[in-house]
């Protein structure tokens, strides 16, 4: 369903704590590591402030910040090539991800 022309995508939306934590409930597609999937979903769906909070909850829950996708790459390896990802990469490294 396409957005009507009078509708605009909300950019920079700030989630409350429960909304941020809800990203921990997403289930991965078959063959995808759940921990990697959660990080990728949060990266794609959150602004940097929400993402920093998410990574803290992610670590507290005992998930693996260095988990890999089916191609053997960590989230840092995947997103470091993205032009707008510098602050996300820094947040992940600060939280214990390998560069």
PDB file of N, CA and C in Angstrom:
ATOM      1  N   UNK A   1       0.837  -1.180   0.000  1.00  0.00           N
ATOM      2  CA  UNK A   1       0.000   0.000   0.000  1.00  0.00           C
ATOM      3  C   UNK A   1       0.877   1.238   0.000  1.00  0.00           C
ATOM      4  N   UNK A   2       0.731   2.089  -0.957  1.00  0.00           N
ATOM      5  CA  UNK A   2       1.548   3.289  -1.078  1.00  0.00           C
ATOM      6  C   UNK A   2       1.028   4.382  -0.153  1.00  0.00           C
ATOM      7  N   UNK A   3       1.949   5.219   0.301  1.00  0.00           N
ATOM      8  CA  UNK A   3       1.556   6.364   1.115  1.00  0.00           C
ATOM      9  C   UNK A   3       0.886   7.403   0.243  1.00  0.00           C
ATOM     10  N   UNK A   4      -0.125   8.035   0.802  1.00  0.00           N
ATOM     11  CA  UNK A   4      -0.750   9.136   0.081  1.00  0.00           C
ATOM     12  C   UNK A   4       0.233  10.296   0.047  1.00  0.00           C
ATOM     13  N   UNK A   5       0.097  11.159  -0.939  1.00  0.00           N
ATOM     14  CA  UNK A   5       1.035  12.270  -1.082  1.00  0.00           C
ATOM     15  C   UNK A   5       1.038  13.197   0.124  1.00  0.00           C
ATOM     16  N   UNK A   6      -0.067  13.250   0.860  1.00  0.00           N
ATOM     17  CA  UNK A   6      -0.108  14.130   2.027  1.00  0.00           C
ATOM     18  C   UNK A   6       0.499  13.482   3.272  1.00  0.00           C
ATOM     19  N   UNK A   7       0.949  12.229   3.160  1.00  0.00           N
ATOM     20  CA  UNK A   7       1.594  11.523   4.265  1.00  0.00           C
ATOM     21  C   UNK A   7       3.105  11.598   4.097  1.00  0.00           C
ATOM     22  N   UNK A   8       3.790  11.817   5.189  1.00  0.00           N
ATOM     23  CA  UNK A   8       5.247  11.872   5.137  1.00  0.00           C
ATOM     24  C   UNK A   8       5.815  10.840   6.095  1.00  0.00           C
ATOM     25  N   UNK A   9       6.939  10.295   5.717  1.00  0.00           N
ATOM     26  CA  UNK A   9       7.640   9.354   6.575  1.00  0.00           C
ATOM     27  C   UNK A   9       8.148  10.117   7.797  1.00  0.00           C
ATOM     28  N   UNK A  10       8.000   9.509   8.966  1.00  0.00           N
ATOM     29  CA  UNK A  10       8.477  10.145  10.188  1.00  0.00           C
ATOM     30  C   UNK A  10       9.956   9.829  10.335  1.00  0.00           C
ATOM     31  N   UNK A  11      10.771  10.853  10.341  1.00  0.00           N
ATOM     32  CA  UNK A  11      12.213  10.675  10.506  1.00  0.00           C
ATOM     33  C   UNK A  11      12.613  11.107  11.905  1.00  0.00           C
ATOM     34  N   UNK A  12      13.551  10.403  12.483  1.00  0.00           N
ATOM     35  CA  UNK A  12      14.053  10.779  13.792  1.00  0.00           C
ATOM     36  C   UNK A  12      13.065  10.497  14.906  1.00  0.00           C
ATOM     37  N   UNK A  13      12.150   9.573  14.694  1.00  0.00           N
ATOM     38  CA  UNK A  13      11.162   9.234  15.712  1.00  0.00           C
ATOM     39  C   UNK A  13      11.868   8.718  16.956  1.00  0.00           C
ATOM     40  N   UNK A  14      11.432   9.203  18.107  1.00  0.00           N
ATOM     41  CA  UNK A  14      11.992   8.747  19.373  1.00  0.00           C
ATOM     42  C   UNK A  14      11.003   7.772  19.992  1.00  0.00           C
ATOM     43  N   UNK A  15      11.491   6.576  20.294  1.00  0.00           N
ATOM     44  CA  UNK A  15      10.659   5.545  20.908  1.00  0.00           C
ATOM     45  C   UNK A  15      10.786   5.636  22.419  1.00  0.00           C
ATOM     46  N   UNK A  16       9.743   5.197  23.129  1.00  0.00           N
ATOM     47  CA  UNK A  16       9.891   5.077  24.574  1.00  0.00           C
ATOM     48  C   UNK A  16      10.652   3.775  24.861  1.00  0.00           C
ATOM     49  N   UNK A  17      10.983   3.565  26.125  1.00  0.00           N
ATOM     50  CA  UNK A  17      11.801   2.408  26.511  1.00  0.00           C
ATOM     51  C   UNK A  17      11.160   1.088  26.109  1.00  0.00           C
ATOM     52  N   UNK A  18       9.857   0.959  26.279  1.00  0.00           N
ATOM     53  CA  UNK A  18       9.176  -0.283  25.926  1.00  0.00           C
ATOM     54  C   UNK A  18       9.235  -0.555  24.431  1.00  0.00           C
ATOM     55  N   UNK A  19       9.104   0.492  23.627  1.00  0.00           N
ATOM     56  CA  UNK A  19       9.181   0.324  22.164  1.00  0.00           C
ATOM     57  C   UNK A  19      10.588  -0.118  21.766  1.00  0.00           C
ATOM     58  N   UNK A  20      11.602   0.476  22.358  1.00  0.00           N
ATOM     59  CA  UNK A  20      12.983   0.083  22.069  1.00  0.00           C
ATOM     60  C   UNK A  20      13.188  -1.381  22.452  1.00  0.00           C
ATOM     61  N   UNK A  21      12.738  -1.767  23.633  1.00  0.00           N
ATOM     62  CA  UNK A  21      12.895  -3.152  24.096  1.00  0.00           C
ATOM     63  C   UNK A  21      12.118  -4.137  23.226  1.00  0.00           C
ATOM     64  N   UNK A  22      11.034  -3.669  22.618  1.00  0.00           N
ATOM     65  CA  UNK A  22      10.210  -4.570  21.806  1.00  0.00           C
ATOM     66  C   UNK A  22      10.985  -5.132  20.618  1.00  0.00           C
ATOM     67  N   UNK A  23      12.053  -4.467  20.211  1.00  0.00           N
ATOM     68  CA  UNK A  23      12.864  -4.975  19.109  1.00  0.00           C
ATOM     69  C   UNK A  23      13.582  -6.268  19.494  1.00  0.00           C
ATOM     70  N   UNK A  24      13.687  -6.555  20.778  1.00  0.00           N
ATOM     71  CA  UNK A  24      14.288  -7.812  21.224  1.00  0.00           C
ATOM     72  C   UNK A  24      13.372  -9.005  20.963  1.00  0.00           C
ATOM     73  N   UNK A  25      12.116  -8.737  20.624  1.00  0.00           N
ATOM     74  CA  UNK A  25      11.140  -9.806  20.417  1.00  0.00           C
ATOM     75  C   UNK A  25      11.040 -10.272  18.971  1.00  0.00           C
ATOM     76  N   UNK A  26      11.688  -9.587  18.055  1.00  0.00           N
ATOM     77  CA  UNK A  26      11.581  -9.969  16.644  1.00  0.00           C
ATOM     78  C   UNK A  26      12.198 -11.339  16.406  1.00  0.00           C
ATOM     79  N   UNK A  27      11.551 -12.114  15.584  1.00  0.00           N
ATOM     80  CA  UNK A  27      12.050 -13.440  15.228  1.00  0.00           C
ATOM     81  C   UNK A  27      12.729 -13.375  13.860  1.00  0.00           C
ATOM     82  N   UNK A  28      13.863 -14.047  13.719  1.00  0.00           N
ATOM     83  CA  UNK A  28      14.608 -13.993  12.457  1.00  0.00           C
ATOM     84  C   UNK A  28      13.998 -14.897  11.391  1.00  0.00           C
ATOM     85  N   UNK A  29      14.311 -14.599  10.148  1.00  0.00           N
ATOM     86  CA  UNK A  29      13.937 -15.531   9.089  1.00  0.00           C
ATOM     87  C   UNK A  29      14.744 -16.825   9.265  1.00  0.00           C
ATOM     88  N   UNK A  30      14.260 -17.887   8.685  1.00  0.00           N
ATOM     89  CA  UNK A  30      14.957 -19.170   8.783  1.00  0.00           C
ATOM     90  C   UNK A  30      16.386 -19.042   8.248  1.00  0.00           C
ATOM     91  N   UNK A  31      17.338 -19.567   9.014  1.00  0.00           N
ATOM     92  CA  UNK A  31      18.731 -19.556   8.597  1.00  0.00           C
ATOM     93  C   UNK A  31      19.508 -18.316   8.999  1.00  0.00           C
ATOM     94  N   UNK A  32      18.853 -17.373   9.684  1.00  0.00           N
ATOM     95  CA  UNK A  32      19.523 -16.139  10.114  1.00  0.00           C
ATOM     96  C   UNK A  32      19.671 -16.177  11.628  1.00  0.00           C
ATOM     97  N   UNK A  33      20.867 -15.875  12.105  1.00  0.00           N
ATOM     98  CA  UNK A  33      21.150 -15.827  13.532  1.00  0.00           C
ATOM     99  C   UNK A  33      20.253 -14.776  14.185  1.00  0.00           C
ATOM    100  N   UNK A  34      19.566 -15.148  15.252  1.00  0.00           N
ATOM    101  CA  UNK A  34      18.634 -14.220  15.898  1.00  0.00           C
ATOM    102  C   UNK A  34      19.334 -12.957  16.390  1.00  0.00           C
ATOM    103  N   UNK A  35      20.491 -13.097  17.014  1.00  0.00           N
ATOM    104  CA  UNK A  35      21.190 -11.934  17.560  1.00  0.00           C
ATOM    105  C   UNK A  35      21.551 -10.956  16.447  1.00  0.00           C
ATOM    106  N   UNK A  36      22.072 -11.470  15.345  1.00  0.00           N
ATOM    107  CA  UNK A  36      22.395 -10.604  14.208  1.00  0.00           C
ATOM    108  C   UNK A  36      21.127  -9.930  13.693  1.00  0.00           C
ATOM    109  N   UNK A  37      20.061 -10.693  13.561  1.00  0.00           N
ATOM    110  CA  UNK A  37      18.799 -10.156  13.045  1.00  0.00           C
ATOM    111  C   UNK A  37      18.293  -9.003  13.907  1.00  0.00           C
ATOM    112  N   UNK A  38      18.372  -9.169  15.223  1.00  0.00           N
ATOM    113  CA  UNK A  38      17.905  -8.113  16.120  1.00  0.00           C
ATOM    114  C   UNK A  38      18.717  -6.836  15.937  1.00  0.00           C
ATOM    115  N   UNK A  39      20.024  -6.977  15.837  1.00  0.00           N
ATOM    116  CA  UNK A  39      20.876  -5.797  15.627  1.00  0.00           C
ATOM    117  C   UNK A  39      20.578  -5.121  14.298  1.00  0.00           C
ATOM    118  N   UNK A  40      20.420  -5.914  13.258  1.00  0.00           N
ATOM    119  CA  UNK A  40      20.139  -5.345  11.940  1.00  0.00           C
ATOM    120  C   UNK A  40      18.777  -4.656  11.927  1.00  0.00           C
ATOM    121  N   UNK A  41      17.788  -5.265  12.546  1.00  0.00           N
ATOM    122  CA  UNK A  41      16.443  -4.691  12.597  1.00  0.00           C
ATOM    123  C   UNK A  41      16.471  -3.352  13.338  1.00  0.00           C
ATOM    124  N   UNK A  42      17.186  -3.305  14.443  1.00  0.00           N
ATOM    125  CA  UNK A  42      17.296  -2.068  15.216  1.00  0.00           C
ATOM    126  C   UNK A  42      18.058  -0.999  14.426  1.00  0.00           C
ATOM    127  N   UNK A  43      19.132  -1.392  13.787  1.00  0.00           N
ATOM    128  CA  UNK A  43      19.907  -0.438  12.974  1.00  0.00           C
ATOM    129  C   UNK A  43      19.033   0.185  11.891  1.00  0.00           C
ATOM    130  N   UNK A  44      18.254  -0.633  11.229  1.00  0.00           N
ATOM    131  CA  UNK A  44      17.416  -0.149  10.131  1.00  0.00           C
ATOM    132  C   UNK A  44      16.198   0.645  10.613  1.00  0.00           C
ATOM    133  N   UNK A  45      15.763   0.408  11.859  1.00  0.00           N
ATOM    134  CA  UNK A  45      14.523   1.016  12.310  1.00  0.00           C
ATOM    135  C   UNK A  45      14.628   2.093  13.365  1.00  0.00           C
ATOM    136  N   UNK A  46      15.849   2.414  13.793  1.00  0.00           N
ATOM    137  CA  UNK A  46      15.992   3.362  14.899  1.00  0.00           C
ATOM    138  C   UNK A  46      16.948   4.493  14.567  1.00  0.00           C
ATOM    139  N   UNK A  47      16.678   5.645  15.160  1.00  0.00           N
ATOM    140  CA  UNK A  47      17.662   6.721  15.093  1.00  0.00           C
ATOM    141  C   UNK A  47      18.788   6.363  16.066  1.00  0.00           C
ATOM    142  N   UNK A  48      19.861   7.107  16.044  1.00  0.00           N
ATOM    143  CA  UNK A  48      21.043   6.733  16.823  1.00  0.00           C
ATOM    144  C   UNK A  48      20.782   6.713  18.323  1.00  0.00           C
ATOM    145  N   UNK A  49      19.995   7.641  18.835  1.00  0.00           N
ATOM    146  CA  UNK A  49      19.733   7.656  20.278  1.00  0.00           C
ATOM    147  C   UNK A  49      18.972   6.402  20.706  1.00  0.00           C
ATOM    148  N   UNK A  50      17.955   6.023  19.945  1.00  0.00           N
ATOM    149  CA  UNK A  50      17.210   4.798  20.241  1.00  0.00           C
ATOM    150  C   UNK A  50      18.117   3.580  20.103  1.00  0.00           C
ATOM    151  N   UNK A  51      18.974   3.585  19.080  1.00  0.00           N
ATOM    152  CA  UNK A  51      19.868   2.454  18.837  1.00  0.00           C
ATOM    153  C   UNK A  51      20.839   2.255  19.992  1.00  0.00           C
ATOM    154  N   UNK A  52      21.372   3.326  20.526  1.00  0.00           N
ATOM    155  CA  UNK A  52      22.287   3.232  21.669  1.00  0.00           C
ATOM    156  C   UNK A  52      21.578   2.584  22.850  1.00  0.00           C
ATOM    157  N   UNK A  53      20.340   2.995  23.106  1.00  0.00           N
ATOM    158  CA  UNK A  53      19.557   2.384  24.186  1.00  0.00           C
ATOM    159  C   UNK A  53      19.313   0.910  23.896  1.00  0.00           C
ATOM    160  N   UNK A  54      18.959   0.606  22.647  1.00  0.00           N
ATOM    161  CA  UNK A  54      18.700  -0.784  22.268  1.00  0.00           C
ATOM    162  C   UNK A  54      19.931  -1.656  22.516  1.00  0.00           C
ATOM    163  N   UNK A  55      21.094  -1.195  22.100  1.00  0.00           N
ATOM    164  CA  UNK A  55      22.323  -1.983  22.258  1.00  0.00           C
ATOM    165  C   UNK A  55      22.589  -2.263  23.738  1.00  0.00           C
ATOM    166  N   UNK A  56      22.276  -1.309  24.592  1.00  0.00           N
ATOM    167  CA  UNK A  56      22.433  -1.525  26.031  1.00  0.00           C
ATOM    168  C   UNK A  56      21.488  -2.633  26.505  1.00  0.00           C
ATOM    169  N   UNK A  57      20.222  -2.568  26.112  1.00  0.00           N
ATOM    170  CA  UNK A  57      19.263  -3.618  26.471  1.00  0.00           C
ATOM    171  C   UNK A  57      19.684  -4.962  25.876  1.00  0.00           C
ATOM    172  N   UNK A  58      20.163  -4.949  24.645  1.00  0.00           N
ATOM    173  CA  UNK A  58      20.628  -6.136  23.936  1.00  0.00           C
ATOM    174  C   UNK A  58      21.736  -6.824  24.739  1.00  0.00           C
ATOM    175  N   UNK A  59      22.728  -6.046  25.162  1.00  0.00           N
ATOM    176  CA  UNK A  59      23.833  -6.598  25.954  1.00  0.00           C
ATOM    177  C   UNK A  59      23.350  -7.100  27.312  1.00  0.00           C
ATOM    178  N   UNK A  60      22.479  -6.329  27.964  1.00  0.00           N
ATOM    179  CA  UNK A  60      21.946  -6.739  29.270  1.00  0.00           C
ATOM    180  C   UNK A  60      21.204  -8.067  29.179  1.00  0.00           C
ATOM    181  N   UNK A  61      20.559  -8.307  28.055  1.00  0.00           N
ATOM    182  CA  UNK A  61      19.802  -9.544  27.857  1.00  0.00           C
ATOM    183  C   UNK A  61      20.702 -10.732  27.517  1.00  0.00           C
ATOM    184  N   UNK A  62      21.996 -10.475  27.333  1.00  0.00           N
ATOM    185  CA  UNK A  62      22.943 -11.557  27.089  1.00  0.00           C
ATOM    186  C   UNK A  62      23.098 -11.975  25.636  1.00  0.00           C
ATOM    187  N   UNK A  63      22.627 -11.149  24.722  1.00  0.00           N
ATOM    188  CA  UNK A  63      22.786 -11.459  23.300  1.00  0.00           C
ATOM    189  C   UNK A  63      24.231 -11.189  22.858  1.00  0.00           C
ATOM    190  N   UNK A  64      24.620 -11.757  21.733  1.00  0.00           N
ATOM    191  CA  UNK A  64      25.990 -11.671  21.210  1.00  0.00           C
ATOM    192  C   UNK A  64      26.117 -10.525  20.217  1.00  0.00           C
ATOM    193  N   UNK A  65      26.822  -9.481  20.610  1.00  0.00           N
ATOM    194  CA  UNK A  65      26.984  -8.302  19.760  1.00  0.00           C
ATOM    195  C   UNK A  65      27.890  -8.581  18.562  1.00  0.00           C
ATOM    196  N   UNK A  66      28.621  -9.690  18.605  1.00  0.00           N
ATOM    197  CA  UNK A  66      29.496 -10.077  17.490  1.00  0.00           C
ATOM    198  C   UNK A  66      28.923 -11.256  16.695  1.00  0.00           C
ATOM    199  N   UNK A  67      27.618 -11.451  16.794  1.00  0.00           N
ATOM    200  CA  UNK A  67      26.977 -12.523  16.032  1.00  0.00           C
ATOM    201  C   UNK A  67      27.120 -12.241  14.539  1.00  0.00           C
ATOM    202  N   UNK A  68      26.972 -13.290  13.747  1.00  0.00           N
ATOM    203  CA  UNK A  68      27.221 -13.156  12.304  1.00  0.00           C
ATOM    204  C   UNK A  68      25.989 -13.508  11.482  1.00  0.00           C
ATOM    205  N   UNK A  69      25.919 -12.901  10.321  1.00  0.00           N
ATOM    206  CA  UNK A  69      24.845 -13.204   9.374  1.00  0.00           C
ATOM    207  C   UNK A  69      25.199 -14.480   8.606  1.00  0.00           C
ATOM    208  N   UNK A  70      24.334 -14.964   7.731  1.00  0.00           N
ATOM    209  CA  UNK A  70      24.637 -16.194   6.987  1.00  0.00           C
ATOM    210  C   UNK A  70      25.902 -16.117   6.128  1.00  0.00           C
ATOM    211  N   UNK A  71      26.373 -14.899   5.837  1.00  0.00           N
ATOM    212  CA  UNK A  71      27.599 -14.733   5.058  1.00  0.00           C
ATOM    213  C   UNK A  71      28.838 -14.632   5.940  1.00  0.00           C
ATOM    214  N   UNK A  72      28.676 -14.835   7.254  1.00  0.00           N
ATOM    215  CA  UNK A  72      29.807 -14.803   8.177  1.00  0.00           C
ATOM    216  C   UNK A  72      30.262 -13.411   8.563  1.00  0.00           C
ATOM    217  N   UNK A  73      29.408 -12.417   8.389  1.00  0.00           N
ATOM    218  CA  UNK A  73      29.772 -11.028   8.707  1.00  0.00           C
ATOM    219  C   UNK A  73      29.029 -10.537   9.940  1.00  0.00           C
ATOM    220  N   UNK A  74      29.715  -9.750  10.766  1.00  0.00           N
ATOM    221  CA  UNK A  74      29.075  -9.118  11.919  1.00  0.00           C
ATOM    222  C   UNK A  74      28.317  -7.888  11.436  1.00  0.00           C
ATOM    223  N   UNK A  75      27.481  -7.343  12.310  1.00  0.00           N
ATOM    224  CA  UNK A  75      26.734  -6.136  11.936  1.00  0.00           C
ATOM    225  C   UNK A  75      27.686  -4.969  11.654  1.00  0.00           C
ATOM    226  N   UNK A  76      28.771  -4.872  12.397  1.00  0.00           N
ATOM    227  CA  UNK A  76      29.748  -3.804  12.147  1.00  0.00           C
ATOM    228  C   UNK A  76      30.332  -3.956  10.742  1.00  0.00           C
ATOM    229  N   UNK A  77      30.707  -5.154  10.373  1.00  0.00           N
ATOM    230  CA  UNK A  77      31.257  -5.381   9.039  1.00  0.00           C
ATOM    231  C   UNK A  77      30.251  -5.042   7.948  1.00  0.00           C
ATOM    232  N   UNK A  78      28.995  -5.300   8.190  1.00  0.00           N
ATOM    233  CA  UNK A  78      27.966  -5.020   7.194  1.00  0.00           C
ATOM    234  C   UNK A  78      27.714  -3.526   7.060  1.00  0.00           C
ATOM    235  N   UNK A  79      27.564  -2.832   8.185  1.00  0.00           N
ATOM    236  CA  UNK A  79      27.125  -1.434   8.099  1.00  0.00           C
ATOM    237  C   UNK A  79      28.256  -0.429   7.961  1.00  0.00           C
ATOM    238  N   UNK A  80      29.485  -0.819   8.230  1.00  0.00           N
ATOM    239  CA  UNK A  80      30.574   0.157   8.165  1.00  0.00           C
ATOM    240  C   UNK A  80      30.760   0.729   6.766  1.00  0.00           C
ATOM    241  N   UNK A  81      30.197   0.092   5.770  1.00  0.00           N
ATOM    242  CA  UNK A  81      30.280   0.571   4.393  1.00  0.00           C
ATOM    243  C   UNK A  81      29.195   1.608   4.088  1.00  0.00           C
ATOM    244  N   UNK A  82      28.218   1.742   4.963  1.00  0.00           N
ATOM    245  CA  UNK A  82      27.120   2.688   4.744  1.00  0.00           C
ATOM    246  C   UNK A  82      27.559   4.108   5.101  1.00  0.00           C
ATOM    247  N   UNK A  83      27.242   5.047   4.267  1.00  0.00           N
ATOM    248  CA  UNK A  83      27.670   6.437   4.468  1.00  0.00           C
ATOM    249  C   UNK A  83      27.185   7.023   5.790  1.00  0.00           C
ATOM    250  N   UNK A  84      25.973   6.700   6.193  1.00  0.00           N
ATOM    251  CA  UNK A  84      25.376   7.306   7.377  1.00  0.00           C
ATOM    252  C   UNK A  84      25.549   6.467   8.643  1.00  0.00           C
ATOM    253  N   UNK A  85      26.407   5.467   8.619  1.00  0.00           N
ATOM    254  CA  UNK A  85      26.480   4.518   9.735  1.00  0.00           C
ATOM    255  C   UNK A  85      27.579   4.783  10.750  1.00  0.00           C
ATOM    256  N   UNK A  86      28.371   5.803  10.570  1.00  0.00           N
ATOM    257  CA  UNK A  86      29.533   6.018  11.446  1.00  0.00           C
ATOM    258  C   UNK A  86      29.159   6.022  12.925  1.00  0.00           C
ATOM    259  N   UNK A  87      28.136   6.756  13.305  1.00  0.00           N
ATOM    260  CA  UNK A  87      27.767   6.822  14.723  1.00  0.00           C
ATOM    261  C   UNK A  87      27.221   5.483  15.221  1.00  0.00           C
ATOM    262  N   UNK A  88      26.578   4.716  14.349  1.00  0.00           N
ATOM    263  CA  UNK A  88      26.082   3.392  14.729  1.00  0.00           C
ATOM    264  C   UNK A  88      27.254   2.437  14.950  1.00  0.00           C
ATOM    265  N   UNK A  89      28.223   2.485  14.073  1.00  0.00           N
ATOM    266  CA  UNK A  89      29.420   1.651  14.230  1.00  0.00           C
ATOM    267  C   UNK A  89      30.129   2.004  15.533  1.00  0.00           C
ATOM    268  N   UNK A  90      30.275   3.289  15.807  1.00  0.00           N
ATOM    269  CA  UNK A  90      30.928   3.720  17.042  1.00  0.00           C
ATOM    270  C   UNK A  90      30.165   3.236  18.271  1.00  0.00           C
ATOM    271  N   UNK A  91      28.840   3.303  18.217  1.00  0.00           N
ATOM    272  CA  UNK A  91      28.023   2.827  19.344  1.00  0.00           C
ATOM    273  C   UNK A  91      28.225   1.331  19.572  1.00  0.00           C
ATOM    274  N   UNK A  92      28.285   0.582  18.488  1.00  0.00           N
ATOM    275  CA  UNK A  92      28.484  -0.870  18.593  1.00  0.00           C
ATOM    276  C   UNK A  92      29.858  -1.198  19.166  1.00  0.00           C
ATOM    277  N   UNK A  93      30.882  -0.522  18.687  1.00  0.00           N
ATOM    278  CA  UNK A  93      32.249  -0.752  19.196  1.00  0.00           C
ATOM    279  C   UNK A  93      32.337  -0.366  20.666  1.00  0.00           C
ATOM    280  N   UNK A  94      31.730   0.749  21.017  1.00  0.00           N
ATOM    281  CA  UNK A  94      31.720   1.188  22.420  1.00  0.00           C
ATOM    282  C   UNK A  94      31.034   0.129  23.315  1.00  0.00           C
ATOM    283  N   UNK A  95      30.061  -0.576  22.746  1.00  0.00           N
ATOM    284  CA  UNK A  95      29.321  -1.600  23.492  1.00  0.00           C
ATOM    285  C   UNK A  95      29.990  -2.968  23.445  1.00  0.00           C
ATOM    286  N   UNK A  96      31.162  -3.070  22.806  1.00  0.00           N
ATOM    287  CA  UNK A  96      31.909  -4.322  22.819  1.00  0.00           C
ATOM    288  C   UNK A  96      32.028  -5.060  21.512  1.00  0.00           C
ATOM    289  N   UNK A  97      31.480  -4.489  20.441  1.00  0.00           N
ATOM    290  CA  UNK A  97      31.584  -5.149  19.133  1.00  0.00           C
ATOM    291  C   UNK A  97      33.017  -5.036  18.616  1.00  0.00           C
ATOM    292  N   UNK A  98      33.438  -6.040  17.890  1.00  0.00           N
ATOM    293  CA  UNK A  98      34.746  -6.021  17.236  1.00  0.00           C
ATOM    294  C   UNK A  98      34.652  -5.177  15.970  1.00  0.00           C
ATOM    295  N   UNK A  99      35.708  -4.441  15.707  1.00  0.00           N
ATOM    296  CA  UNK A  99      35.712  -3.556  14.535  1.00  0.00           C
ATOM    297  C   UNK A  99      35.909  -4.280  13.256  1.00  0.00           C
TER     298      UNK A  99
END
